[in-house]
Every structure is written in C-alpha cells, then in structure tokens.
Amino acid sequence: MVQLIVGRKGKGKTKQLLDKVNSEIKNIEGSIVYLDKSTKHMYELNNKVRLIDASQYMISNSSEFIGFVCGILSQDHDLQQMYFDSFLKIAALEDQDITETIDKLSKVSEKFHVDFIVSISLDESELPESVKDKITVSL
C-alpha cells in the first residue's frame, strides 16, 4: 500500500511522518526504513528505524530511485514499511509528474508486501487525479 502525506512546505508533513514511524515501530514485527535527504532527523527517530540519507547515493531520476528502493528491499526480507521524507527531492521528481513513480511503488508494494508512506511537498489540488485516492493526510 502507498500512503501519501501531502501539503506545502512548512505545513508539518515531516512531524506527521516522524510521529507515524515512531508509533508504528511498537506494533510492527518486521523492520522499517526511513529515507530522507539528510540525517537531520536522526535523533527524532526510534533507534530501531534504519535511517538512510538518500542524497549520498547520486539518484538523478525516478528510475534510479525505484532501483534504489528495490535494492533496499532485496537486502531485507523482513522489511514491512518504508517512509520517504522529501519524496520529490530524493526521487528526483521536482517539477515532474509523479504518477508513473507512484504506480511503480504500488506494484512493488503489492509484490513484496511492503507499505510505503510518502511525504510530498505539494498541495492536494496540485496532485494528479490518479494518486489522490492514496492521500491519508492533507495539510
């Protein structure tokens, strides 16, 4: 399943994401990965959550991002959830259509039984219709 947390920059998406990941870690049996554009939130995450600074991996387009995600999945068969903060930046999708990437994430989610929780710095009205059904929080 892909869940979207959407809203303009500064609306509190990261706080929502951090609260969700820290509460989920208590109820989940597998592992959780948190992808971000830096290690800034390292001390706000439960120490059982694996933080990955995606900016270190030279991701320059959405296909490379999907490959990166699949690489993480291939290394951790217990992975149940992945959180993406600053999704547009880490997936190299700023000022681009996100539809195809969200569709691919949905397929990966179904195939490998991993939930993706995604923070997107766009207003709900700016999102393509095809992804609006995945919105769980709109700020």
C-alpha atoms as a PDB file:
ATOM      1  CA  MET A   1       0.000   0.000   0.000  1.00  0.00           C
ATOM      2  CA  VAL A   2       1.157   3.523  -0.766  1.00  0.00           C
ATOM      3  CA  GLN A   3       0.009   6.284   1.589  1.00  0.00           C
ATOM      4  CA  LEU A   4       0.569   9.962   0.803  1.00  0.00           C
ATOM      5  CA  ILE A   5       1.029  12.793   3.266  1.00  0.00           C
ATOM      6  CA  VAL A   6       0.667  15.983   1.238  1.00  0.00           C
ATOM      7  CA  GLY A   7       0.920  19.705   1.839  1.00  0.00           C
ATOM      8  CA  ARG A   8       3.026  22.708   1.046  1.00  0.00           C
ATOM      9  CA  LYS A   9       6.499  23.122   2.539  1.00  0.00           C
ATOM     10  CA  GLY A  10       6.374  24.043   6.231  1.00  0.00           C
ATOM     11  CA  LYS A  11       2.921  22.572   6.913  1.00  0.00           C
ATOM     12  CA  GLY A  12       4.139  19.786   9.241  1.00  0.00           C
ATOM     13  CA  LYS A  13       4.458  16.752   6.972  1.00  0.00           C
ATOM     14  CA  THR A  14       7.762  15.639   8.495  1.00  0.00           C
ATOM     15  CA  LYS A  15       6.312  15.796  12.003  1.00  0.00           C
ATOM     16  CA  GLN A  16       3.388  13.630  10.840  1.00  0.00           C
ATOM     17  CA  LEU A  17       5.830  11.174   9.272  1.00  0.00           C
ATOM     18  CA  LEU A  18       8.063  11.013  12.361  1.00  0.00           C
ATOM     19  CA  ASP A  19       5.075  10.562  14.691  1.00  0.00           C
ATOM     20  CA  LYS A  20       3.729   7.766  12.491  1.00  0.00           C
ATOM     21  CA  VAL A  21       7.028   5.888  12.187  1.00  0.00           C
ATOM     22  CA  ASN A  22       7.750   6.140  15.918  1.00  0.00           C
ATOM     23  CA  SER A  23       4.292   4.844  16.842  1.00  0.00           C
ATOM     24  CA  GLU A  24       4.366   2.054  14.223  1.00  0.00           C
ATOM     25  CA  ILE A  25       7.697   0.647  15.446  1.00  0.00           C
ATOM     26  CA  LYS A  26       5.945  -0.553  18.618  1.00  0.00           C
ATOM     27  CA  ASN A  27       3.352  -2.576  16.658  1.00  0.00           C
ATOM     28  CA  ILE A  28       5.408  -3.993  13.810  1.00  0.00           C
ATOM     29  CA  GLU A  29       7.275  -7.279  13.756  1.00  0.00           C
ATOM     30  CA  GLY A  30       9.492  -6.585  10.737  1.00  0.00           C
ATOM     31  CA  SER A  31      11.854  -3.722  10.049  1.00  0.00           C
ATOM     32  CA  ILE A  32      11.290  -0.114   8.986  1.00  0.00           C
ATOM     33  CA  VAL A  33      13.430   2.116   6.753  1.00  0.00           C
ATOM     34  CA  TYR A  34      13.209   5.924   6.688  1.00  0.00           C
ATOM     35  CA  LEU A  35      14.626   7.617   3.566  1.00  0.00           C
ATOM     36  CA  ASP A  36      15.431  11.299   3.823  1.00  0.00           C
ATOM     37  CA  LYS A  37      17.531  13.929   2.042  1.00  0.00           C
ATOM     38  CA  SER A  38      19.835  14.234   5.092  1.00  0.00           C
ATOM     39  CA  THR A  39      20.449  12.810   8.581  1.00  0.00           C
ATOM     40  CA  LYS A  40      18.857  15.868  10.223  1.00  0.00           C
ATOM     41  CA  HIS A  41      16.065  13.852  11.880  1.00  0.00           C
ATOM     42  CA  MET A  42      18.288  11.031  13.138  1.00  0.00           C
ATOM     43  CA  TYR A  43      17.707  11.810  16.812  1.00  0.00           C
ATOM     44  CA  GLU A  44      13.943  12.146  16.381  1.00  0.00           C
ATOM     45  CA  LEU A  45      13.619   8.562  15.115  1.00  0.00           C
ATOM     46  CA  ASN A  46      13.358   5.461  17.269  1.00  0.00           C
ATOM     47  CA  ASN A  47      16.731   3.677  17.213  1.00  0.00           C
ATOM     48  CA  LYS A  48      15.084   0.571  15.669  1.00  0.00           C
ATOM     49  CA  VAL A  49      14.314   2.531  12.486  1.00  0.00           C
ATOM     50  CA  ARG A  50      17.015   2.453   9.824  1.00  0.00           C
ATOM     51  CA  LEU A  51      17.648   5.969   8.512  1.00  0.00           C
ATOM     52  CA  ILE A  52      19.116   6.249   5.017  1.00  0.00           C
ATOM     53  CA  ASP A  53      20.391   9.579   3.702  1.00  0.00           C
ATOM     54  CA  ALA A  54      19.393   9.211   0.038  1.00  0.00           C
ATOM     55  CA  SER A  55      21.416  12.267  -1.001  1.00  0.00           C
ATOM     56  CA  GLN A  56      24.586  10.175  -0.624  1.00  0.00           C
ATOM     57  CA  TYR A  57      23.596   7.772  -3.429  1.00  0.00           C
ATOM     58  CA  MET A  58      23.596  10.014  -6.534  1.00  0.00           C
ATOM     59  CA  ILE A  59      19.975   9.347  -7.507  1.00  0.00           C
ATOM     60  CA  SER A  60      19.351  11.506 -10.571  1.00  0.00           C
ATOM     61  CA  ASN A  61      15.974  10.273 -11.885  1.00  0.00           C
ATOM     62  CA  SER A  62      12.888   8.386 -10.783  1.00  0.00           C
ATOM     63  CA  SER A  63      14.013   5.097 -12.371  1.00  0.00           C
ATOM     64  CA  GLU A  64      17.205   5.164 -10.322  1.00  0.00           C
ATOM     65  CA  PHE A  65      15.090   5.889  -7.248  1.00  0.00           C
ATOM     66  CA  ILE A  66      12.869   2.840  -7.875  1.00  0.00           C
ATOM     67  CA  GLY A  67      16.017   0.745  -8.400  1.00  0.00           C
ATOM     68  CA  PHE A  68      17.437   2.076  -5.138  1.00  0.00           C
ATOM     69  CA  VAL A  69      14.235   1.155  -3.269  1.00  0.00           C
ATOM     70  CA  CYS A  70      14.241  -2.329  -4.806  1.00  0.00           C
ATOM     71  CA  GLY A  71      17.884  -2.741  -3.804  1.00  0.00           C
ATOM     72  CA  ILE A  72      16.970  -1.991  -0.194  1.00  0.00           C
ATOM     73  CA  LEU A  73      14.088  -4.467  -0.384  1.00  0.00           C
ATOM     74  CA  SER A  74      16.354  -7.182  -1.791  1.00  0.00           C
ATOM     75  CA  GLN A  75      18.644  -6.891   1.232  1.00  0.00           C
ATOM     76  CA  ASP A  76      15.984  -7.023   3.933  1.00  0.00           C
ATOM     77  CA  HIS A  77      13.295  -9.693   3.615  1.00  0.00           C
ATOM     78  CA  ASP A  78      11.730  -8.600   6.928  1.00  0.00           C
ATOM     79  CA  LEU A  79      11.110  -5.058   5.687  1.00  0.00           C
ATOM     80  CA  GLN A  80       7.471  -4.068   6.287  1.00  0.00           C
ATOM     81  CA  GLN A  81       7.431  -0.288   5.910  1.00  0.00           C
ATOM     82  CA  MET A  82       9.429   2.413   4.149  1.00  0.00           C
ATOM     83  CA  TYR A  83       8.968   6.103   4.859  1.00  0.00           C
ATOM     84  CA  PHE A  84      10.008   8.705   2.295  1.00  0.00           C
ATOM     85  CA  ASP A  85      10.521  12.232   3.579  1.00  0.00           C
ATOM     86  CA  SER A  86      11.094  14.949   0.956  1.00  0.00           C
ATOM     87  CA  PHE A  87       9.929  12.472  -1.700  1.00  0.00           C
ATOM     88  CA  LEU A  88      10.089  14.867  -4.654  1.00  0.00           C
ATOM     89  CA  LYS A  89      13.718  15.652  -3.859  1.00  0.00           C
ATOM     90  CA  ILE A  90      15.000  12.142  -3.064  1.00  0.00           C
ATOM     91  CA  ALA A  91      13.187  10.627  -6.083  1.00  0.00           C
ATOM     92  CA  ALA A  92      14.427  13.408  -8.421  1.00  0.00           C
ATOM     93  CA  LEU A  93      10.813  14.342  -9.261  1.00  0.00           C
ATOM     94  CA  GLU A  94      10.755  18.056  -8.504  1.00  0.00           C
ATOM     95  CA  ASP A  95       8.566  19.835 -11.098  1.00  0.00           C
ATOM     96  CA  GLN A  96       7.698  16.486 -12.739  1.00  0.00           C
ATOM     97  CA  ASP A  97       4.672  14.197 -12.936  1.00  0.00           C
ATOM     98  CA  ILE A  98       4.726  11.706 -10.057  1.00  0.00           C
ATOM     99  CA  THR A  99       2.069   9.344 -11.475  1.00  0.00           C
ATOM    100  CA  GLU A 100       4.378   6.721 -13.000  1.00  0.00           C
ATOM    101  CA  THR A 101       6.636   6.566  -9.939  1.00  0.00           C
ATOM    102  CA  ILE A 102       3.692   6.209  -7.537  1.00  0.00           C
ATOM    103  CA  ASP A 103       2.278   3.458  -9.799  1.00  0.00           C
ATOM    104  CA  LYS A 104       5.602   1.610  -9.713  1.00  0.00           C
ATOM    105  CA  LEU A 105       5.770   1.950  -5.930  1.00  0.00           C
ATOM    106  CA  SER A 106       2.256   0.481  -5.731  1.00  0.00           C
ATOM    107  CA  LYS A 107       3.322  -2.527  -7.804  1.00  0.00           C
ATOM    108  CA  VAL A 108       6.463  -3.026  -5.702  1.00  0.00           C
ATOM    109  CA  SER A 109       4.335  -2.732  -2.562  1.00  0.00           C
ATOM    110  CA  GLU A 110       1.930  -5.436  -3.736  1.00  0.00           C
ATOM    111  CA  LYS A 111       4.665  -7.781  -4.914  1.00  0.00           C
ATOM    112  CA  PHE A 112       6.877  -7.540  -1.812  1.00  0.00           C
ATOM    113  CA  HIS A 113       4.207  -6.743   0.824  1.00  0.00           C
ATOM    114  CA  VAL A 114       5.850  -3.505   1.933  1.00  0.00           C
ATOM    115  CA  ASP A 115       3.948  -0.340   2.819  1.00  0.00           C
ATOM    116  CA  PHE A 116       5.286   2.981   1.534  1.00  0.00           C
ATOM    117  CA  ILE A 117       4.422   6.155   3.439  1.00  0.00           C
ATOM    118  CA  VAL A 118       5.349   9.168   1.321  1.00  0.00           C
ATOM    119  CA  SER A 119       5.654  12.858   2.180  1.00  0.00           C
ATOM    120  CA  ILE A 120       5.029  15.123  -0.829  1.00  0.00           C
ATOM    121  CA  SER A 121       5.505  18.901  -0.776  1.00  0.00           C
ATOM    122  CA  LEU A 122       2.527  19.689  -2.972  1.00  0.00           C
ATOM    123  CA  ASP A 123      -0.967  20.852  -2.173  1.00  0.00           C
ATOM    124  CA  GLU A 124      -3.660  18.222  -2.703  1.00  0.00           C
ATOM    125  CA  SER A 125      -5.063  20.266  -5.603  1.00  0.00           C
ATOM    126  CA  GLU A 126      -1.695  20.056  -7.424  1.00  0.00           C
ATOM    127  CA  LEU A 127      -1.615  16.255  -7.451  1.00  0.00           C
ATOM    128  CA  PRO A 128      -2.736  14.152 -10.419  1.00  0.00           C
ATOM    129  CA  GLU A 129      -6.224  12.651 -10.011  1.00  0.00           C
ATOM    130  CA  SER A 130      -4.790   9.130 -10.311  1.00  0.00           C
ATOM    131  CA  VAL A 131      -2.931   9.391  -6.980  1.00  0.00           C
ATOM    132  CA  LYS A 132      -5.484  11.298  -4.898  1.00  0.00           C
ATOM    133  CA  ASP A 133      -7.060   8.081  -3.582  1.00  0.00           C
ATOM    134  CA  LYS A 134      -3.752   7.324  -1.809  1.00  0.00           C
ATOM    135  CA  ILE A 135      -3.812  10.517   0.291  1.00  0.00           C
ATOM    136  CA  THR A 136      -4.113   9.762   4.011  1.00  0.00           C
ATOM    137  CA  VAL A 137      -3.162  13.207   5.357  1.00  0.00           C
ATOM    138  CA  SER A 138      -3.606  16.555   3.613  1.00  0.00           C
ATOM    139  CA  LEU A 139      -2.173  19.609   5.392  1.00  0.00           C
END
